[in-house]
C-alpha atoms as a PDB file:
ATOM      1  CA  MET A   1       0.000   0.000   0.000  1.00  0.00           C
ATOM      2  CA  GLU A   2       1.252   3.488  -0.868  1.00  0.00           C
ATOM      3  CA  LEU A   3       1.676   5.922   2.027  1.00  0.00           C
ATOM      4  CA  ASP A   4      -1.007   8.335   0.760  1.00  0.00           C
ATOM      5  CA  ASP A   5      -3.524   5.479   0.424  1.00  0.00           C
ATOM      6  CA  PHE A   6      -2.690   4.320   3.935  1.00  0.00           C
ATOM      7  CA  LEU A   7      -3.205   7.770   5.431  1.00  0.00           C
ATOM      8  CA  TYR A   8      -6.629   8.127   3.868  1.00  0.00           C
ATOM      9  CA  THR A   9      -7.857   4.650   4.763  1.00  0.00           C
ATOM     10  CA  SER A  10      -6.630   4.597   8.362  1.00  0.00           C
ATOM     11  CA  ALA A  11      -6.924   8.236   9.437  1.00  0.00           C
ATOM     12  CA  GLY A  12      -8.279   8.210  12.956  1.00  0.00           C
ATOM     13  CA  ARG A  13      -6.721   4.811  13.566  1.00  0.00           C
ATOM     14  CA  GLY A  14      -2.978   4.732  12.992  1.00  0.00           C
ATOM     15  CA  ARG A  15      -2.681   8.518  12.891  1.00  0.00           C
ATOM     16  CA  TYR A  16      -4.888  10.128  15.513  1.00  0.00           C
ATOM     17  CA  ALA A  17      -6.335   7.159  17.396  1.00  0.00           C
ATOM     18  CA  CYS A  18      -4.762   7.770  20.809  1.00  0.00           C
ATOM     19  CA  PHE A  19      -5.501  11.485  20.986  1.00  0.00           C
ATOM     20  CA  THR A  20      -8.758  11.591  22.905  1.00  0.00           C
ATOM     21  CA  GLY A  21      -9.892  14.175  25.428  1.00  0.00           C
ATOM     22  CA  ALA A  22      -8.016  12.366  28.198  1.00  0.00           C
ATOM     23  CA  ASN A  23      -4.653  12.524  26.441  1.00  0.00           C
ATOM     24  CA  ARG A  24      -3.934  16.220  26.799  1.00  0.00           C
ATOM     25  CA  LEU A  25      -0.976  15.979  29.177  1.00  0.00           C
ATOM     26  CA  MET A  26       2.114  14.219  27.863  1.00  0.00           C
ATOM     27  CA  PHE A  27       4.680  13.401  30.503  1.00  0.00           C
ATOM     28  CA  ILE A  28       8.249  13.010  29.228  1.00  0.00           C
ATOM     29  CA  THR A  29      10.647  11.008  31.371  1.00  0.00           C
ATOM     30  CA  HIS A  30      13.950  12.495  32.469  1.00  0.00           C
ATOM     31  CA  ARG A  31      16.054  10.372  34.803  1.00  0.00           C
ATOM     32  CA  THR A  32      17.329  12.210  37.885  1.00  0.00           C
ATOM     33  CA  ASP A  33      19.393  11.322  40.942  1.00  0.00           C
ATOM     34  CA  LYS A  34      16.104  10.888  42.789  1.00  0.00           C
ATOM     35  CA  TYR A  35      13.927   9.013  40.279  1.00  0.00           C
ATOM     36  CA  THR A  36      14.358   6.414  37.541  1.00  0.00           C
ATOM     37  CA  GLU A  37      12.200   6.545  34.434  1.00  0.00           C
ATOM     38  CA  LEU A  38       9.961   3.811  35.862  1.00  0.00           C
ATOM     39  CA  ASP A  39       9.599   5.688  39.176  1.00  0.00           C
ATOM     40  CA  GLU A  40       8.421   8.741  37.247  1.00  0.00           C
ATOM     41  CA  VAL A  41       5.969   6.795  35.096  1.00  0.00           C
ATOM     42  CA  LYS A  42       4.440   5.150  38.173  1.00  0.00           C
ATOM     43  CA  MET A  43       3.906   8.546  39.823  1.00  0.00           C
ATOM     44  CA  VAL A  44       2.329  10.315  36.859  1.00  0.00           C
ATOM     45  CA  ILE A  45       0.026   7.382  36.060  1.00  0.00           C
ATOM     46  CA  LYS A  46      -1.107   7.425  39.700  1.00  0.00           C
ATOM     47  CA  GLY A  47      -1.828  11.110  39.188  1.00  0.00           C
ATOM     48  CA  GLY A  48      -4.037  10.378  36.187  1.00  0.00           C
ATOM     49  CA  CYS A  49      -1.682  10.866  33.249  1.00  0.00           C
ATOM     50  CA  THR A  50      -2.658   8.692  30.275  1.00  0.00           C
ATOM     51  CA  TRP A  51       0.221   9.467  27.938  1.00  0.00           C
ATOM     52  CA  VAL A  52       3.912   9.071  28.704  1.00  0.00           C
ATOM     53  CA  GLN A  53       6.895   9.490  26.419  1.00  0.00           C
ATOM     54  CA  LEU A  54       9.979   7.524  27.348  1.00  0.00           C
ATOM     55  CA  ARG A  55      13.084   9.578  26.660  1.00  0.00           C
ATOM     56  CA  MET A  56      16.390   7.890  27.452  1.00  0.00           C
ATOM     57  CA  LYS A  57      18.947  10.090  25.707  1.00  0.00           C
ATOM     58  CA  ASP A  58      21.997   8.947  27.666  1.00  0.00           C
ATOM     59  CA  ASN A  59      20.924   5.489  28.802  1.00  0.00           C
ATOM     60  CA  LEU A  60      18.913   3.883  26.015  1.00  0.00           C
ATOM     61  CA  ASN A  61      17.905   0.528  27.447  1.00  0.00           C
ATOM     62  CA  LEU A  62      15.582  -2.126  26.030  1.00  0.00           C
ATOM     63  CA  GLU A  63      14.753  -3.691  29.397  1.00  0.00           C
ATOM     64  CA  ILE A  64      13.655  -0.325  30.818  1.00  0.00           C
ATOM     65  CA  ALA A  65      11.524   0.252  27.730  1.00  0.00           C
ATOM     66  CA  ARG A  66       9.891  -3.159  28.164  1.00  0.00           C
ATOM     67  CA  GLN A  67       9.223  -2.551  31.864  1.00  0.00           C
ATOM     68  CA  ILE A  68       7.547   0.769  31.159  1.00  0.00           C
ATOM     69  CA  SER A  69       5.589  -0.642  28.229  1.00  0.00           C
ATOM     70  CA  ARG A  70       4.176  -3.386  30.477  1.00  0.00           C
ATOM     71  CA  TYR A  71       3.477  -0.965  33.304  1.00  0.00           C
ATOM     72  CA  THR A  72       1.505   1.443  31.107  1.00  0.00           C
ATOM     73  CA  LEU A  73      -0.598  -1.441  29.835  1.00  0.00           C
ATOM     74  CA  PHE A  74      -1.568  -2.945  33.179  1.00  0.00           C
ATOM     75  CA  HIS A  75      -1.370  -0.326  35.927  1.00  0.00           C
ATOM     76  CA  SER A  76      -3.504   2.627  34.871  1.00  0.00           C
ATOM     77  CA  ASP A  77      -6.708   3.244  36.832  1.00  0.00           C
ATOM     78  CA  HIS A  78      -7.828   5.666  34.139  1.00  0.00           C
ATOM     79  CA  GLY A  79      -8.036   3.338  31.162  1.00  0.00           C
ATOM     80  CA  PHE A  80      -5.327   2.656  28.619  1.00  0.00           C
ATOM     81  CA  CYS A  81      -2.140   4.693  28.992  1.00  0.00           C
ATOM     82  CA  THR A  82      -0.387   5.523  25.735  1.00  0.00           C
ATOM     83  CA  CYS A  83       3.351   4.849  25.822  1.00  0.00           C
ATOM     84  CA  CYS A  84       5.624   6.562  23.320  1.00  0.00           C
ATOM     85  CA  LEU A  85       9.349   5.987  22.789  1.00  0.00           C
ATOM     86  CA  ASN A  86      11.585   8.844  21.770  1.00  0.00           C
ATOM     87  CA  ASP A  87      13.791   8.462  18.657  1.00  0.00           C
ATOM     88  CA  ASP A  88      14.134   4.690  18.245  1.00  0.00           C
ATOM     89  CA  LEU A  89      11.492   2.909  16.149  1.00  0.00           C
ATOM     90  CA  GLU A  90      13.202  -0.488  16.187  1.00  0.00           C
ATOM     91  CA  MET A  91      13.432  -0.455  19.982  1.00  0.00           C
ATOM     92  CA  ALA A  92       9.748   0.464  20.138  1.00  0.00           C
ATOM     93  CA  PHE A  93       8.943  -2.676  18.124  1.00  0.00           C
ATOM     94  CA  LYS A  94      11.053  -4.832  20.455  1.00  0.00           C
ATOM     95  CA  ALA A  95       9.580  -3.299  23.612  1.00  0.00           C
ATOM     96  CA  GLY A  96       5.952  -3.623  22.532  1.00  0.00           C
ATOM     97  CA  ILE A  97       5.497   0.170  22.361  1.00  0.00           C
ATOM     98  CA  HIS A  98       3.148   1.465  19.666  1.00  0.00           C
ATOM     99  CA  CYS A  99       4.137   5.100  19.385  1.00  0.00           C
ATOM    100  CA  VAL A 100       7.448   6.698  18.454  1.00  0.00           C
ATOM    101  CA  HIS A 101       8.420  10.363  18.576  1.00  0.00           C
ATOM    102  CA  LEU A 102      10.873  11.460  15.893  1.00  0.00           C
ATOM    103  CA  GLY A 103      12.969  14.616  16.093  1.00  0.00           C
ATOM    104  CA  LYS A 104      13.948  16.686  13.093  1.00  0.00           C
ATOM    105  CA  ASN A 105      17.280  14.839  12.815  1.00  0.00           C
ATOM    106  CA  ASP A 106      15.827  11.349  13.285  1.00  0.00           C
ATOM    107  CA  MET A 107      14.384   8.905  10.753  1.00  0.00           C
ATOM    108  CA  PRO A 108      11.991  10.652   8.310  1.00  0.00           C
ATOM    109  CA  ILE A 109       8.350  10.142   9.221  1.00  0.00           C
ATOM    110  CA  SER A 110       7.493   8.649   5.827  1.00  0.00           C
ATOM    111  CA  LYS A 111      10.294   6.093   6.213  1.00  0.00           C
ATOM    112  CA  ALA A 112       9.036   5.238   9.694  1.00  0.00           C
ATOM    113  CA  TRP A 113       5.579   4.520   8.269  1.00  0.00           C
ATOM    114  CA  ASP A 114       7.129   2.361   5.558  1.00  0.00           C
ATOM    115  CA  ARG A 115       8.764   0.271   8.273  1.00  0.00           C
ATOM    116  CA  ILE A 116       5.593   0.188  10.395  1.00  0.00           C
ATOM    117  CA  ILE A 117       3.542  -0.987   7.419  1.00  0.00           C
ATOM    118  CA  GLU A 118       6.195  -3.593   6.653  1.00  0.00           C
ATOM    119  CA  LYS A 119       5.736  -4.907  10.207  1.00  0.00           C
ATOM    120  CA  ARG A 120       1.920  -4.877   9.709  1.00  0.00           C
ATOM    121  CA  LYS A 121       1.423  -2.555  12.672  1.00  0.00           C
ATOM    122  CA  GLU A 122      -0.158   0.400  10.864  1.00  0.00           C
ATOM    123  CA  ASP A 123      -3.518   0.109  12.667  1.00  0.00           C
ATOM    124  CA  LEU A 124      -1.802   0.267  16.050  1.00  0.00           C
ATOM    125  CA  PHE A 125       0.968   2.793  15.641  1.00  0.00           C
ATOM    126  CA  SER A 126       1.296   6.554  16.039  1.00  0.00           C
ATOM    127  CA  VAL A 127       4.275   8.645  14.963  1.00  0.00           C
ATOM    128  CA  GLY A 128       4.922  11.992  16.609  1.00  0.00           C
ATOM    129  CA  ALA A 129       7.076  14.738  15.144  1.00  0.00           C
ATOM    130  CA  THR A 130       9.016  17.709  16.463  1.00  0.00           C
ATOM    131  CA  ALA A 131       8.340  21.139  14.969  1.00  0.00           C
ATOM    132  CA  ASN A 132       9.716  24.618  15.512  1.00  0.00           C
ATOM    133  CA  THR A 133       7.975  26.437  12.640  1.00  0.00           C
ATOM    134  CA  PHE A 134       4.699  26.318  10.739  1.00  0.00           C
ATOM    135  CA  GLU A 135       6.600  24.906   7.771  1.00  0.00           C
ATOM    136  CA  ASP A 136       7.799  22.048   9.995  1.00  0.00           C
ATOM    137  CA  ILE A 137       4.179  21.281  10.888  1.00  0.00           C
ATOM    138  CA  LEU A 138       3.103  21.236   7.231  1.00  0.00           C
ATOM    139  CA  LYS A 139       5.941  18.905   6.280  1.00  0.00           C
ATOM    140  CA  ALA A 140       5.293  16.525   9.180  1.00  0.00           C
ATOM    141  CA  ASP A 141       1.570  16.443   8.457  1.00  0.00           C
ATOM    142  CA  ARG A 142       2.164  15.661   4.777  1.00  0.00           C
ATOM    143  CA  GLU A 143       4.456  12.781   5.767  1.00  0.00           C
ATOM    144  CA  GLY A 144       1.828  11.285   8.081  1.00  0.00           C
ATOM    145  CA  ALA A 145       2.680  12.476  11.591  1.00  0.00           C
ATOM    146  CA  SER A 146       0.088  11.621  14.228  1.00  0.00           C
ATOM    147  CA  TYR A 147       0.762  14.673  16.389  1.00  0.00           C
ATOM    148  CA  ILE A 148       3.225  17.561  16.683  1.00  0.00           C
ATOM    149  CA  GLY A 149       5.422  18.511  19.629  1.00  0.00           C
ATOM    150  CA  LEU A 150       5.808  22.247  18.961  1.00  0.00           C
ATOM    151  CA  GLY A 151       8.559  24.115  20.745  1.00  0.00           C
ATOM    152  CA  PRO A 152      10.525  24.959  22.642  1.00  0.00           C
ATOM    153  CA  TYR A 153       8.360  27.371  24.589  1.00  0.00           C
ATOM    154  CA  ARG A 154      11.377  28.527  26.577  1.00  0.00           C
ATOM    155  CA  TYR A 155      14.897  27.315  27.271  1.00  0.00           C
ATOM    156  CA  THR A 156      15.073  23.891  28.890  1.00  0.00           C
ATOM    157  CA  GLU A 157      18.001  21.846  30.153  1.00  0.00           C
ATOM    158  CA  THR A 158      16.271  18.543  29.380  1.00  0.00           C
ATOM    159  CA  LYS A 159      17.138  18.751  25.688  1.00  0.00           C
ATOM    160  CA  ASN A 160      20.375  19.457  23.842  1.00  0.00           C
ATOM    161  CA  ASP A 161      20.653  21.384  20.550  1.00  0.00           C
ATOM    162  CA  LEU A 162      17.504  23.411  21.091  1.00  0.00           C
ATOM    163  CA  SER A 163      15.754  25.082  18.189  1.00  0.00           C
ATOM    164  CA  PRO A 164      14.984  28.813  18.566  1.00  0.00           C
ATOM    165  CA  VAL A 165      12.741  29.530  21.562  1.00  0.00           C
ATOM    166  CA  LEU A 166       9.201  30.408  20.443  1.00  0.00           C
ATOM    167  CA  GLY A 167       7.679  32.101  23.471  1.00  0.00           C
ATOM    168  CA  LEU A 168       3.970  32.855  23.628  1.00  0.00           C
ATOM    169  CA  GLU A 169       4.053  35.157  20.585  1.00  0.00           C
ATOM    170  CA  GLY A 170       5.618  32.397  18.513  1.00  0.00           C
ATOM    171  CA  TYR A 171       2.820  29.990  19.406  1.00  0.00           C
ATOM    172  CA  GLN A 172       0.164  32.604  18.674  1.00  0.00           C
ATOM    173  CA  LYS A 173       1.613  33.288  15.229  1.00  0.00           C
ATOM    174  CA  ILE A 174       2.042  29.620  14.300  1.00  0.00           C
ATOM    175  CA  MET A 175      -1.421  28.621  15.520  1.00  0.00           C
ATOM    176  CA  GLU A 176      -2.960  31.453  13.495  1.00  0.00           C
ATOM    177  CA  GLN A 177      -1.234  30.052  10.395  1.00  0.00           C
ATOM    178  CA  TYR A 178      -2.400  26.580  11.421  1.00  0.00           C
ATOM    179  CA  ARG A 179      -6.048  27.671  11.554  1.00  0.00           C
ATOM    180  CA  LYS A 180      -5.850  29.470   8.213  1.00  0.00           C
ATOM    181  CA  ALA A 181      -4.483  26.272   6.650  1.00  0.00           C
ATOM    182  CA  ASP A 182      -7.407  24.309   8.182  1.00  0.00           C
ATOM    183  CA  LEU A 183      -5.093  21.680   9.662  1.00  0.00           C
ATOM    184  CA  LYS A 184      -6.364  18.969  12.008  1.00  0.00           C
ATOM    185  CA  ILE A 185      -3.184  17.400  13.374  1.00  0.00           C
ATOM    186  CA  PRO A 186      -2.984  17.685  17.205  1.00  0.00           C
ATOM    187  CA  ILE A 187      -0.454  20.219  18.495  1.00  0.00           C
ATOM    188  CA  PHE A 188       1.272  19.908  21.875  1.00  0.00           C
ATOM    189  CA  ALA A 189       3.444  22.609  23.429  1.00  0.00           C
ATOM    190  CA  ILE A 190       6.811  21.538  24.788  1.00  0.00           C
ATOM    191  CA  GLY A 191       9.935  23.025  26.308  1.00  0.00           C
ATOM    192  CA  GLY A 192      10.386  24.386  29.813  1.00  0.00           C
ATOM    193  CA  ILE A 193       6.653  24.761  30.484  1.00  0.00           C
ATOM    194  CA  GLU A 194       5.524  25.586  34.021  1.00  0.00           C
ATOM    195  CA  PHE A 195       2.077  25.417  35.570  1.00  0.00           C
ATOM    196  CA  GLU A 196       1.506  29.153  35.087  1.00  0.00           C
ATOM    197  CA  ASP A 197       2.084  28.793  31.336  1.00  0.00           C
ATOM    198  CA  ILE A 198      -0.817  26.408  30.773  1.00  0.00           C
ATOM    199  CA  ALA A 199      -3.669  28.916  30.448  1.00  0.00           C
ATOM    200  CA  PRO A 200      -2.012  31.327  27.973  1.00  0.00           C
ATOM    201  CA  LEU A 201      -0.651  28.443  25.900  1.00  0.00           C
ATOM    202  CA  MET A 202      -3.981  26.622  25.729  1.00  0.00           C
ATOM    203  CA  GLU A 203      -5.655  29.850  24.643  1.00  0.00           C
ATOM    204  CA  THR A 204      -3.526  29.840  21.480  1.00  0.00           C
ATOM    205  CA  GLY A 205      -5.518  26.814  20.310  1.00  0.00           C
ATOM    206  CA  ILE A 206      -3.077  23.984  21.000  1.00  0.00           C
ATOM    207  CA  ASP A 207      -4.405  20.591  22.064  1.00  0.00           C
ATOM    208  CA  GLY A 208      -2.186  19.815  25.026  1.00  0.00           C
ATOM    209  CA  ILE A 209       1.006  20.261  27.002  1.00  0.00           C
ATOM    210  CA  ALA A 210       4.168  18.159  27.260  1.00  0.00           C
ATOM    211  CA  VAL A 211       5.962  18.390  30.609  1.00  0.00           C
ATOM    212  CA  SER A 212       8.987  16.887  32.306  1.00  0.00           C
ATOM    213  CA  ARG A 213      10.831  18.843  35.003  1.00  0.00           C
ATOM    214  CA  ALA A 214       7.824  20.830  36.237  1.00  0.00           C
ATOM    215  CA  ILE A 215       6.328  17.575  37.493  1.00  0.00           C
ATOM    216  CA  ILE A 216       9.500  15.679  38.394  1.00  0.00           C
ATOM    217  CA  ASN A 217      10.825  18.548  40.520  1.00  0.00           C
ATOM    218  CA  ALA A 218       7.555  19.131  42.371  1.00  0.00           C
ATOM    219  CA  GLU A 219       7.395  18.260  46.060  1.00  0.00           C
ATOM    220  CA  ASP A 220       4.608  15.781  45.269  1.00  0.00           C
ATOM    221  CA  PRO A 221       4.781  14.685  41.605  1.00  0.00           C
ATOM    222  CA  VAL A 222       1.542  12.693  41.872  1.00  0.00           C
ATOM    223  CA  GLU A 223      -0.461  15.675  43.070  1.00  0.00           C
ATOM    224  CA  GLU A 224       1.322  17.982  40.603  1.00  0.00           C
ATOM    225  CA  THR A 225       0.238  15.682  37.774  1.00  0.00           C
ATOM    226  CA  ARG A 226      -3.346  15.975  38.973  1.00  0.00           C
ATOM    227  CA  ARG A 227      -2.993  19.760  39.167  1.00  0.00           C
ATOM    228  CA  PHE A 228      -1.660  19.992  35.601  1.00  0.00           C
ATOM    229  CA  ILE A 229      -4.473  17.818  34.255  1.00  0.00           C
ATOM    230  CA  ARG A 230      -7.156  19.851  36.027  1.00  0.00           C
ATOM    231  CA  GLU A 231      -5.768  23.094  34.627  1.00  0.00           C
ATOM    232  CA  ILE A 232      -5.391  21.761  31.086  1.00  0.00           C
ATOM    233  CA  ASN A 233      -8.932  20.398  31.130  1.00  0.00           C
ATOM    234  CA  LYS A 234     -10.347  23.815  31.945  1.00  0.00           C
ATOM    235  CA  HIS A 235      -9.567  24.740  28.362  1.00  0.00           C
ATOM    236  CA  LYS A 236     -11.453  23.257  25.457  1.00  0.00           C
ATOM    237  CA  PRO A 237      -9.605  22.288  22.275  1.00  0.00           C
ATOM    238  CA  ASP A 238      -9.215  24.934  19.585  1.00  0.00           C
ATOM    239  CA  PRO A 239     -12.664  26.556  19.151  1.00  0.00           C
ATOM    240  CA  TYR A 240     -11.829  27.287  15.503  1.00  0.00           C
ATOM    241  CA  ARG A 241     -11.624  23.569  14.730  1.00  0.00           C
ATOM    242  CA  ASP A 242     -14.507  21.110  14.472  1.00  0.00           C
ATOM    243  CA  ASP A 243     -14.563  17.918  16.534  1.00  0.00           C
ATOM    244  CA  SER A 244     -13.149  15.741  13.762  1.00  0.00           C
ATOM    245  CA  GLY A 245      -9.573  16.795  14.363  1.00  0.00           C
ATOM    246  CA  ILE A 246      -8.840  14.451  17.255  1.00  0.00           C
END
């Protein structure tokens, strides 16, 4: 099957299937001296998070990926928890993870879908993409991305080789272009986001927030997860878009 045919026949399955109203907070792991990746995933799931992205930049480890994959499947009290692996599609296959997030310097999205289709996993998989500009979003959407991580909002130490910081004005400008282009792909803000940033960011029309340190560094990460989710859920998805987008 050609990629374009696949995207039309399985839109809402392989592309946008996991992006329901509950999946508006993405937690991204970041190992610290205090917590392992699994510790962090356990805490945020207890707090109600239903979407975690496993990032292991300096300690990529298949066994950890498998542990977290199993945990997200069987330990959520809030229904299915989506697990996403950063960068490595082949490790995602091995770990039983059905979502991969690809940065701008990683495997092209279209090539990832070719491999996913080859493995006969197209009805299960989602492929996220990183974007820093509106042009990045257009390109990723054309190649079949399931969602966009748009950022960074501000400087963050959790990621090396940052793209230019967008700030609130950058998000407002890009989301205006997004609406004019009548795009449907879900957009999530990422990069140094704090609790106080949620309201102004959500008002730009994005679909959700990706967070790491703001939750990990909280005195009570479980309760902070709950607090983030409550605040995000005060804001409806982009009012300029119909309900078919996600």
